[in-house]
PDB file of N, CA and C in Angstrom:
ATOM      1  N   MET A   1       2.715   8.210  -5.325  1.00  0.00           N
ATOM      2  CA  MET A   1       3.996   7.926  -4.268  1.00  0.00           C
ATOM      3  C   MET A   1       4.935   7.154  -5.036  1.00  0.00           C
ATOM      4  N   HIS A   2       5.847   7.423  -4.816  1.00  0.00           N
ATOM      5  CA  HIS A   2       7.023   6.428  -4.859  1.00  0.00           C
ATOM      6  C   HIS A   2       6.504   4.923  -4.661  1.00  0.00           C
ATOM      7  N   ARG A   3       7.138   3.763  -5.631  1.00  0.00           N
ATOM      8  CA  ARG A   3       7.160   2.187  -5.346  1.00  0.00           C
ATOM      9  C   ARG A   3       8.139   1.853  -4.090  1.00  0.00           C
ATOM     10  N   LEU A   4       7.974   1.922  -3.420  1.00  0.00           N
ATOM     11  CA  LEU A   4       8.796   1.335  -1.661  1.00  0.00           C
ATOM     12  C   LEU A   4       8.005   0.318  -1.774  1.00  0.00           C
ATOM     13  N   SER A   5       9.220  -0.503  -1.253  1.00  0.00           N
ATOM     14  CA  SER A   5       8.192  -2.313  -0.660  1.00  0.00           C
ATOM     15  C   SER A   5       8.491  -2.135   0.670  1.00  0.00           C
ATOM     16  N   LYS A   6       7.443  -2.934   1.523  1.00  0.00           N
ATOM     17  CA  LYS A   6       6.976  -3.118   2.951  1.00  0.00           C
ATOM     18  C   LYS A   6       8.274  -2.937   3.807  1.00  0.00           C
ATOM     19  N   ARG A   7       9.480  -3.559   3.539  1.00  0.00           N
ATOM     20  CA  ARG A   7      10.851  -3.445   4.144  1.00  0.00           C
ATOM     21  C   ARG A   7      11.282  -2.361   3.893  1.00  0.00           C
ATOM     22  N   GLU A   8      11.360  -1.362   2.757  1.00  0.00           N
ATOM     23  CA  GLU A   8      11.762  -0.621   2.429  1.00  0.00           C
ATOM     24  C   GLU A   8      10.998   0.911   3.504  1.00  0.00           C
ATOM     25  N   LEU A   9       9.739   0.532   3.623  1.00  0.00           N
ATOM     26  CA  LEU A   9       9.004   1.704   4.505  1.00  0.00           C
ATOM     27  C   LEU A   9       9.302   1.265   5.968  1.00  0.00           C
ATOM     28  N   GLU A  10       9.328  -0.140   6.176  1.00  0.00           N
ATOM     29  CA  GLU A  10       9.188  -0.128   7.503  1.00  0.00           C
ATOM     30  C   GLU A  10      11.399   0.616   7.700  1.00  0.00           C
ATOM     31  N   LEU A  11      11.870   0.095   7.361  1.00  0.00           N
ATOM     32  CA  LEU A  11      13.219   0.803   7.622  1.00  0.00           C
ATOM     33  C   LEU A  11      13.334   2.333   7.598  1.00  0.00           C
ATOM     34  N   ILE A  12      12.448   3.023   6.523  1.00  0.00           N
ATOM     35  CA  ILE A  12      12.449   4.225   7.016  1.00  0.00           C
ATOM     36  C   ILE A  12      11.695   4.427   8.176  1.00  0.00           C
ATOM     37  N   ARG A  13      11.015   3.985   8.350  1.00  0.00           N
ATOM     38  CA  ARG A  13      10.057   4.369   9.866  1.00  0.00           C
ATOM     39  C   ARG A  13      11.323   4.250  11.166  1.00  0.00           C
ATOM     40  N   LEU A  14      11.848   2.839  10.960  1.00  0.00           N
ATOM     41  CA  LEU A  14      12.938   2.732  12.040  1.00  0.00           C
ATOM     42  C   LEU A  14      14.158   4.118  11.733  1.00  0.00           C
ATOM     43  N   GLN A  15      14.786   3.902  10.668  1.00  0.00           N
ATOM     44  CA  GLN A  15      15.619   4.960  10.773  1.00  0.00           C
ATOM     45  C   GLN A  15      14.924   6.381  10.841  1.00  0.00           C
ATOM     46  N   ILE A  16      14.582   7.347  10.341  1.00  0.00           N
ATOM     47  CA  ILE A  16      13.597   8.441  10.351  1.00  0.00           C
ATOM     48  C   ILE A  16      13.306   8.704  11.810  1.00  0.00           C
ATOM     49  N   GLY A  17      11.966   7.712  11.922  1.00  0.00           N
ATOM     50  CA  GLY A  17      11.066   7.670  12.948  1.00  0.00           C
ATOM     51  C   GLY A  17      11.358   7.611  14.506  1.00  0.00           C
ATOM     52  N   GLU A  18      12.264   6.659  14.896  1.00  0.00           N
ATOM     53  CA  GLU A  18      12.765   6.001  16.064  1.00  0.00           C
ATOM     54  C   GLU A  18      14.361   6.581  15.511  1.00  0.00           C
ATOM     55  N   CYS A  19      14.989   6.793  14.672  1.00  0.00           N
ATOM     56  CA  CYS A  19      16.389   7.476  15.113  1.00  0.00           C
ATOM     57  C   CYS A  19      17.101   6.320  15.184  1.00  0.00           C
ATOM     58  N   LEU A  20      17.025   5.173  14.673  1.00  0.00           N
ATOM     59  CA  LEU A  20      17.598   3.746  14.536  1.00  0.00           C
ATOM     60  C   LEU A  20      19.043   4.218  13.947  1.00  0.00           C
ATOM     61  N   SER A  21      20.045   3.184  14.582  1.00  0.00           N
ATOM     62  CA  SER A  21      21.129   3.245  13.469  1.00  0.00           C
ATOM     63  C   SER A  21      20.795   2.115  12.549  1.00  0.00           C
ATOM     64  N   TYR A  22      21.798   1.653  11.237  1.00  0.00           N
ATOM     65  CA  TYR A  22      21.765   0.671  10.605  1.00  0.00           C
ATOM     66  C   TYR A  22      22.216  -0.662  11.475  1.00  0.00           C
ATOM     67  N   LYS A  23      22.674  -1.161  12.381  1.00  0.00           N
ATOM     68  CA  LYS A  23      22.648  -1.983  13.930  1.00  0.00           C
ATOM     69  C   LYS A  23      21.263  -2.363  14.342  1.00  0.00           C
ATOM     70  N   GLU A  24      20.773  -0.731  14.607  1.00  0.00           N
ATOM     71  CA  GLU A  24      19.667  -1.370  15.674  1.00  0.00           C
ATOM     72  C   GLU A  24      18.584  -1.128  14.773  1.00  0.00           C
ATOM     73  N   ALA A  25      18.345  -1.093  13.382  1.00  0.00           N
ATOM     74  CA  ALA A  25      17.353  -1.416  12.122  1.00  0.00           C
ATOM     75  C   ALA A  25      17.575  -2.797  12.070  1.00  0.00           C
ATOM     76  N   ALA A  26      18.932  -2.994  12.025  1.00  0.00           N
ATOM     77  CA  ALA A  26      19.283  -4.407  11.273  1.00  0.00           C
ATOM     78  C   ALA A  26      18.411  -5.312  12.061  1.00  0.00           C
ATOM     79  N   TYR A  27      18.944  -5.053  13.666  1.00  0.00           N
ATOM     80  CA  TYR A  27      18.423  -6.147  14.157  1.00  0.00           C
ATOM     81  C   TYR A  27      17.204  -5.963  15.048  1.00  0.00           C
ATOM     82  N   LYS A  28      16.636  -5.044  14.469  1.00  0.00           N
ATOM     83  CA  LYS A  28      15.021  -4.868  15.236  1.00  0.00           C
ATOM     84  C   LYS A  28      14.558  -5.873  13.676  1.00  0.00           C
ATOM     85  N   MET A  29      14.932  -5.826  12.684  1.00  0.00           N
ATOM     86  CA  MET A  29      14.192  -6.420  10.988  1.00  0.00           C
ATOM     87  C   MET A  29      14.655  -7.372  10.895  1.00  0.00           C
ATOM     88  N   GLY A  30      15.763  -8.039  12.008  1.00  0.00           N
ATOM     89  CA  GLY A  30      16.329  -9.631  11.789  1.00  0.00           C
ATOM     90  C   GLY A  30      17.174  -9.547  10.560  1.00  0.00           C
ATOM     91  N   ILE A  31      17.790  -8.493   9.992  1.00  0.00           N
ATOM     92  CA  ILE A  31      18.566  -8.934   8.979  1.00  0.00           C
ATOM     93  C   ILE A  31      19.738  -8.091   9.635  1.00  0.00           C
ATOM     94  N   SER A  32      20.703  -8.133   8.468  1.00  0.00           N
ATOM     95  CA  SER A  32      22.025  -8.141   8.702  1.00  0.00           C
ATOM     96  C   SER A  32      22.528  -6.437   8.523  1.00  0.00           C
ATOM     97  N   ALA A  33      23.228  -5.584   8.974  1.00  0.00           N
ATOM     98  CA  ALA A  33      23.363  -4.310   8.557  1.00  0.00           C
ATOM     99  C   ALA A  33      24.221  -4.271   7.055  1.00  0.00           C
ATOM    100  N   GLN A  34      24.951  -5.323   6.493  1.00  0.00           N
ATOM    101  CA  GLN A  34      25.023  -4.689   5.083  1.00  0.00           C
ATOM    102  C   GLN A  34      23.786  -4.745   4.103  1.00  0.00           C
ATOM    103  N   THR A  35      22.474  -5.781   4.802  1.00  0.00           N
ATOM    104  CA  THR A  35      21.338  -5.263   3.986  1.00  0.00           C
ATOM    105  C   THR A  35      20.857  -4.227   4.739  1.00  0.00           C
ATOM    106  N   VAL A  36      20.814  -3.494   5.155  1.00  0.00           N
ATOM    107  CA  VAL A  36      20.433  -2.110   5.780  1.00  0.00           C
ATOM    108  C   VAL A  36      20.829  -1.734   4.938  1.00  0.00           C
ATOM    109  N   GLY A  37      22.232  -1.482   4.428  1.00  0.00           N
ATOM    110  CA  GLY A  37      22.630  -0.633   3.680  1.00  0.00           C
ATOM    111  C   GLY A  37      22.110  -0.577   2.345  1.00  0.00           C
ATOM    112  N   THR A  38      22.084  -1.968   2.064  1.00  0.00           N
ATOM    113  CA  THR A  38      21.885  -2.291   0.661  1.00  0.00           C
ATOM    114  C   THR A  38      20.513  -1.645   0.044  1.00  0.00           C
ATOM    115  N   TYR A  39      19.604  -1.122   1.115  1.00  0.00           N
ATOM    116  CA  TYR A  39      18.149  -1.071   1.438  1.00  0.00           C
ATOM    117  C   TYR A  39      18.040   0.010   1.286  1.00  0.00           C
ATOM    118  N   ASN A  40      19.080   1.103   2.084  1.00  0.00           N
ATOM    119  CA  ASN A  40      18.823   2.214   2.281  1.00  0.00           C
ATOM    120  C   ASN A  40      19.665   2.878   0.672  1.00  0.00           C
ATOM    121  N   ALA A  41      20.800   2.435   0.020  1.00  0.00           N
ATOM    122  CA  ALA A  41      21.315   2.660  -1.110  1.00  0.00           C
ATOM    123  C   ALA A  41      19.869   2.774  -2.588  1.00  0.00           C
ATOM    124  N   ARG A  42      19.209   1.656  -2.099  1.00  0.00           N
ATOM    125  CA  ARG A  42      17.702   1.597  -3.361  1.00  0.00           C
ATOM    126  C   ARG A  42      16.901   2.762  -3.190  1.00  0.00           C
ATOM    127  N   ILE A  43      16.846   2.779  -1.504  1.00  0.00           N
ATOM    128  CA  ILE A  43      15.730   3.963  -1.535  1.00  0.00           C
ATOM    129  C   ILE A  43      16.161   5.064  -1.465  1.00  0.00           C
ATOM    130  N   HIS A  44      17.105   5.743  -1.508  1.00  0.00           N
ATOM    131  CA  HIS A  44      17.678   7.099  -2.375  1.00  0.00           C
ATOM    132  C   HIS A  44      17.994   7.376  -3.300  1.00  0.00           C
ATOM    133  N   ARG A  45      18.159   6.040  -3.861  1.00  0.00           N
ATOM    134  CA  ARG A  45      18.474   5.519  -5.888  1.00  0.00           C
ATOM    135  C   ARG A  45      16.814   6.053  -6.224  1.00  0.00           C
ATOM    136  N   ASN A  46      15.662   5.695  -6.127  1.00  0.00           N
ATOM    137  CA  ASN A  46      14.720   5.836  -5.882  1.00  0.00           C
ATOM    138  C   ASN A  46      14.001   6.815  -5.960  1.00  0.00           C
ATOM    139  N   LEU A  47      14.015   7.103  -4.941  1.00  0.00           N
ATOM    140  CA  LEU A  47      13.427   8.438  -4.595  1.00  0.00           C
ATOM    141  C   LEU A  47      13.841   9.659  -4.825  1.00  0.00           C
ATOM    142  N   GLY A  48      15.679   9.812  -4.948  1.00  0.00           N
ATOM    143  CA  GLY A  48      16.673  10.860  -5.986  1.00  0.00           C
ATOM    144  C   GLY A  48      16.553  11.661  -4.473  1.00  0.00           C
ATOM    145  N   VAL A  49      16.818  11.025  -3.222  1.00  0.00           N
ATOM    146  CA  VAL A  49      17.726  12.211  -2.644  1.00  0.00           C
ATOM    147  C   VAL A  49      18.830  11.359  -1.849  1.00  0.00           C
ATOM    148  N   ARG A  50      19.808  12.440  -1.621  1.00  0.00           N
ATOM    149  CA  ARG A  50      21.099  12.515  -1.723  1.00  0.00           C
ATOM    150  C   ARG A  50      21.440  12.297   0.145  1.00  0.00           C
ATOM    151  N   SER A  51      20.735  12.626   0.967  1.00  0.00           N
ATOM    152  CA  SER A  51      21.117  12.162   2.409  1.00  0.00           C
ATOM    153  C   SER A  51      19.838  11.773   3.404  1.00  0.00           C
ATOM    154  N   GLN A  52      20.459  11.845   4.704  1.00  0.00           N
ATOM    155  CA  GLN A  52      18.980  10.932   5.337  1.00  0.00           C
ATOM    156  C   GLN A  52      18.317  12.763   5.737  1.00  0.00           C
ATOM    157  N   LEU A  53      19.009  13.463   6.004  1.00  0.00           N
ATOM    158  CA  LEU A  53      17.862  14.967   5.739  1.00  0.00           C
ATOM    159  C   LEU A  53      17.103  15.079   4.656  1.00  0.00           C
ATOM    160  N   GLU A  54      17.684  14.721   3.367  1.00  0.00           N
ATOM    161  CA  GLU A  54      16.532  14.897   2.233  1.00  0.00           C
ATOM    162  C   GLU A  54      15.294  13.379   2.596  1.00  0.00           C
ATOM    163  N   LEU A  55      15.693  12.203   3.666  1.00  0.00           N
ATOM    164  CA  LEU A  55      15.023  11.278   3.244  1.00  0.00           C
ATOM    165  C   LEU A  55      13.989  11.549   4.512  1.00  0.00           C
ATOM    166  N   ALA A  56      14.596  12.001   5.492  1.00  0.00           N
ATOM    167  CA  ALA A  56      13.661  12.779   6.471  1.00  0.00           C
ATOM    168  C   ALA A  56      12.534  13.449   6.016  1.00  0.00           C
ATOM    169  N   ARG A  57      12.989  14.420   5.263  1.00  0.00           N
ATOM    170  CA  ARG A  57      12.586  15.732   4.732  1.00  0.00           C
ATOM    171  C   ARG A  57      10.955  14.916   3.610  1.00  0.00           C
ATOM    172  N   TRP A  58      11.513  14.091   3.185  1.00  0.00           N
ATOM    173  CA  TRP A  58      10.529  13.239   2.120  1.00  0.00           C
ATOM    174  C   TRP A  58       9.642  12.355   2.537  1.00  0.00           C
ATOM    175  N   ALA A  59       9.760  11.790   3.926  1.00  0.00           N
ATOM    176  CA  ALA A  59       9.011  10.614   4.637  1.00  0.00           C
ATOM    177  C   ALA A  59       8.148  11.522   5.571  1.00  0.00           C
ATOM    178  N   ILE A  60       8.703  12.636   6.171  1.00  0.00           N
ATOM    179  CA  ILE A  60       7.469  13.784   6.615  1.00  0.00           C
ATOM    180  C   ILE A  60       6.604  13.955   5.690  1.00  0.00           C
ATOM    181  N   GLN A  61       7.215  14.594   4.513  1.00  0.00           N
ATOM    182  CA  GLN A  61       6.210  14.966   3.547  1.00  0.00           C
ATOM    183  C   GLN A  61       4.968  13.796   3.318  1.00  0.00           C
ATOM    184  N   ASN A  62       5.745  12.920   3.409  1.00  0.00           N
ATOM    185  CA  ASN A  62       4.755  11.208   2.852  1.00  0.00           C
ATOM    186  C   ASN A  62       3.869  11.531   3.742  1.00  0.00           C
ATOM    187  N   GLY A  63       3.825  11.429   4.821  1.00  0.00           N
ATOM    188  CA  GLY A  63       3.057  10.688   5.942  1.00  0.00           C
ATOM    189  C   GLY A  63       3.476   9.562   6.074  1.00  0.00           C
ATOM    190  N   ILE A  64       5.175   9.106   5.955  1.00  0.00           N
ATOM    191  CA  ILE A  64       5.192   8.177   6.728  1.00  0.00           C
ATOM    192  C   ILE A  64       5.982   8.138   7.620  1.00  0.00           C
ATOM    193  N   CYS A  65       7.025   9.611   7.950  1.00  0.00           N
ATOM    194  CA  CYS A  65       6.502   9.445   9.619  1.00  0.00           C
ATOM    195  C   CYS A  65       6.785  11.199  10.218  1.00  0.00           C
ATOM    196  N   LYS A  66       6.424  10.821  11.507  1.00  0.00           N
ATOM    197  CA  LYS A  66       5.881  11.894  11.878  1.00  0.00           C
ATOM    198  C   LYS A  66       6.278  12.794  12.953  1.00  0.00           C
ATOM    199  N   TRP A  67       6.501  14.404  12.754  1.00  0.00           N
ATOM    200  CA  TRP A  67       7.338  14.726  13.881  1.00  0.00           C
ATOM    201  C   TRP A  67       6.853  15.764  14.711  1.00  0.00           C
TER     202      TRP A  67
END
């Protein structure tokens, strides 16, 4: 599995698993929406995904989120 930090995995669970927006995820994590954007860009780059849909597919296939 690709190396993601605990915070990056938490963000994936919030955005994909709980369908939260940047602002909602930021509030829940206690960080700024800008930091969420930075995390998201890093996640997409590290996993080689181009969209939230591809990220959702990756998260489900790797057991990060269940639907």
